[in-house]
Amino acid sequence: MNVWTIVGLLLILFLFLSGAPLAIAFGLGALLIALLAAGLPIDAIASMAFNSINSFPLLAMPFFILAGNLLLRSGGMADVRDFLQS
């Protein structure tokens, strides 16, 4: 295992344990590993990141999260729970 890979994994662990959001911890660690361990140029990393999230099925995820939050905030979830328990 490369030294930079270990440093990147330790960075992820440190950021995770220090309370940083998971997206920040994994993002910075993966960026460090990709830049230093794999030797990828920054424009290739940006292109790969954009192409990996530029997907039509991934578009549904925020809407499912929004629908779940709306159901929870409106009190409709209590009705669903009561229906399922009866």
C-alpha atoms as a PDB file:
ATOM      1  CA  MET A   1       0.000   0.000   0.000  1.00  0.00           C
ATOM      2  CA  ASN A   2       1.279   3.424  -0.941  1.00  0.00           C
ATOM      3  CA  VAL A   3       2.199   5.929   1.793  1.00  0.00           C
ATOM      4  CA  TRP A   4      -0.233   8.500   0.367  1.00  0.00           C
ATOM      5  CA  THR A   5      -3.033   5.949   0.455  1.00  0.00           C
ATOM      6  CA  ILE A   6      -2.427   5.392   4.160  1.00  0.00           C
ATOM      7  CA  VAL A   7      -2.265   9.158   4.763  1.00  0.00           C
ATOM      8  CA  GLY A   8      -5.560   9.597   2.891  1.00  0.00           C
ATOM      9  CA  LEU A   9      -7.250   6.862   4.903  1.00  0.00           C
ATOM     10  CA  LEU A  10      -5.960   8.369   8.139  1.00  0.00           C
ATOM     11  CA  LEU A  11      -7.287  11.756   7.019  1.00  0.00           C
ATOM     12  CA  ILE A  12     -10.721  10.219   6.425  1.00  0.00           C
ATOM     13  CA  LEU A  13     -10.629   8.593   9.859  1.00  0.00           C
ATOM     14  CA  PHE A  14      -9.476  11.795  11.563  1.00  0.00           C
ATOM     15  CA  LEU A  15     -12.135  13.935   9.885  1.00  0.00           C
ATOM     16  CA  PHE A  16     -14.805  11.351  10.655  1.00  0.00           C
ATOM     17  CA  LEU A  17     -13.852  11.179  14.332  1.00  0.00           C
ATOM     18  CA  SER A  18     -13.577  14.968  14.624  1.00  0.00           C
ATOM     19  CA  GLY A  19     -17.219  15.371  13.630  1.00  0.00           C
ATOM     20  CA  ALA A  20     -16.845  16.579  10.053  1.00  0.00           C
ATOM     21  CA  PRO A  21     -19.716  15.696   7.707  1.00  0.00           C
ATOM     22  CA  LEU A  22     -19.225  12.381   5.938  1.00  0.00           C
ATOM     23  CA  ALA A  23     -19.262  13.983   2.495  1.00  0.00           C
ATOM     24  CA  ILE A  24     -16.389  16.279   3.485  1.00  0.00           C
ATOM     25  CA  ALA A  25     -14.395  13.484   5.140  1.00  0.00           C
ATOM     26  CA  PHE A  26     -14.743  11.049   2.244  1.00  0.00           C
ATOM     27  CA  GLY A  27     -14.378  13.773  -0.376  1.00  0.00           C
ATOM     28  CA  LEU A  28     -11.139  15.223   0.975  1.00  0.00           C
ATOM     29  CA  GLY A  29      -9.668  11.787   1.629  1.00  0.00           C
ATOM     30  CA  ALA A  30     -10.553  10.520  -1.829  1.00  0.00           C
ATOM     31  CA  LEU A  31      -9.225  13.712  -3.416  1.00  0.00           C
ATOM     32  CA  LEU A  32      -5.922  13.338  -1.567  1.00  0.00           C
ATOM     33  CA  ILE A  33      -5.613   9.691  -2.581  1.00  0.00           C
ATOM     34  CA  ALA A  34      -6.505  10.428  -6.215  1.00  0.00           C
ATOM     35  CA  LEU A  35      -4.103  13.358  -6.471  1.00  0.00           C
ATOM     36  CA  LEU A  36      -1.098  11.946  -4.672  1.00  0.00           C
ATOM     37  CA  ALA A  37      -1.375   8.147  -4.712  1.00  0.00           C
ATOM     38  CA  ALA A  38      -2.879   7.628  -8.162  1.00  0.00           C
ATOM     39  CA  GLY A  39      -1.242  10.668  -9.737  1.00  0.00           C
ATOM     40  CA  LEU A  40      -4.376  11.780 -11.554  1.00  0.00           C
ATOM     41  CA  PRO A  41      -4.565  15.370 -12.799  1.00  0.00           C
ATOM     42  CA  ILE A  42      -7.184  17.588 -11.172  1.00  0.00           C
ATOM     43  CA  ASP A  43      -9.160  18.046 -14.404  1.00  0.00           C
ATOM     44  CA  ALA A  44      -9.464  14.268 -14.812  1.00  0.00           C
ATOM     45  CA  ILE A  45     -10.740  13.984 -11.237  1.00  0.00           C
ATOM     46  CA  ALA A  46     -13.319  16.715 -11.847  1.00  0.00           C
ATOM     47  CA  SER A  47     -14.446  15.060 -15.071  1.00  0.00           C
ATOM     48  CA  MET A  48     -14.790  11.652 -13.397  1.00  0.00           C
ATOM     49  CA  ALA A  49     -16.727  13.177 -10.485  1.00  0.00           C
ATOM     50  CA  PHE A  50     -19.158  14.952 -12.809  1.00  0.00           C
ATOM     51  CA  ASN A  51     -19.667  11.898 -15.023  1.00  0.00           C
ATOM     52  CA  SER A  52     -20.310   9.651 -12.025  1.00  0.00           C
ATOM     53  CA  ILE A  53     -23.163  11.815 -10.711  1.00  0.00           C
ATOM     54  CA  ASN A  54     -24.542  12.822 -14.119  1.00  0.00           C
ATOM     55  CA  SER A  55     -27.007   9.948 -14.119  1.00  0.00           C
ATOM     56  CA  PHE A  56     -30.767   9.970 -14.616  1.00  0.00           C
ATOM     57  CA  PRO A  57     -31.534   7.336 -11.907  1.00  0.00           C
ATOM     58  CA  LEU A  58     -29.633   9.417  -9.328  1.00  0.00           C
ATOM     59  CA  LEU A  59     -32.077  12.254  -9.990  1.00  0.00           C
ATOM     60  CA  ALA A  60     -34.791  10.357  -8.101  1.00  0.00           C
ATOM     61  CA  MET A  61     -32.861  10.215  -4.812  1.00  0.00           C
ATOM     62  CA  PRO A  62     -33.346  13.861  -3.728  1.00  0.00           C
ATOM     63  CA  PHE A  63     -37.035  13.632  -4.568  1.00  0.00           C
ATOM     64  CA  PHE A  64     -37.467  10.504  -2.419  1.00  0.00           C
ATOM     65  CA  ILE A  65     -35.701  12.302   0.432  1.00  0.00           C
ATOM     66  CA  LEU A  66     -37.951  15.338  -0.076  1.00  0.00           C
ATOM     67  CA  ALA A  67     -41.078  13.154  -0.127  1.00  0.00           C
ATOM     68  CA  GLY A  68     -40.004  11.416   3.081  1.00  0.00           C
ATOM     69  CA  ASN A  69     -39.321  14.728   4.814  1.00  0.00           C
ATOM     70  CA  LEU A  70     -42.674  16.138   3.705  1.00  0.00           C
ATOM     71  CA  LEU A  71     -44.456  13.020   4.953  1.00  0.00           C
ATOM     72  CA  LEU A  72     -42.646  13.198   8.278  1.00  0.00           C
ATOM     73  CA  ARG A  73     -43.217  16.944   8.821  1.00  0.00           C
ATOM     74  CA  SER A  74     -46.878  16.869   7.809  1.00  0.00           C
ATOM     75  CA  GLY A  75     -47.803  14.216  10.349  1.00  0.00           C
ATOM     76  CA  GLY A  76     -48.783  11.735   7.677  1.00  0.00           C
ATOM     77  CA  MET A  77     -46.241   9.252   8.964  1.00  0.00           C
ATOM     78  CA  ALA A  78     -48.210   8.872  12.202  1.00  0.00           C
ATOM     79  CA  ASP A  79     -51.253   7.877  10.137  1.00  0.00           C
ATOM     80  CA  VAL A  80     -49.191   5.314   8.236  1.00  0.00           C
ATOM     81  CA  ARG A  81     -47.784   3.930  11.503  1.00  0.00           C
ATOM     82  CA  ASP A  82     -51.244   3.681  13.059  1.00  0.00           C
ATOM     83  CA  PHE A  83     -52.571   1.927   9.956  1.00  0.00           C
ATOM     84  CA  LEU A  84     -49.724  -0.585   9.956  1.00  0.00           C
ATOM     85  CA  GLN A  85     -50.103  -1.316  13.677  1.00  0.00           C
ATOM     86  CA  SER A  86     -53.845  -2.012  13.426  1.00  0.00           C
END
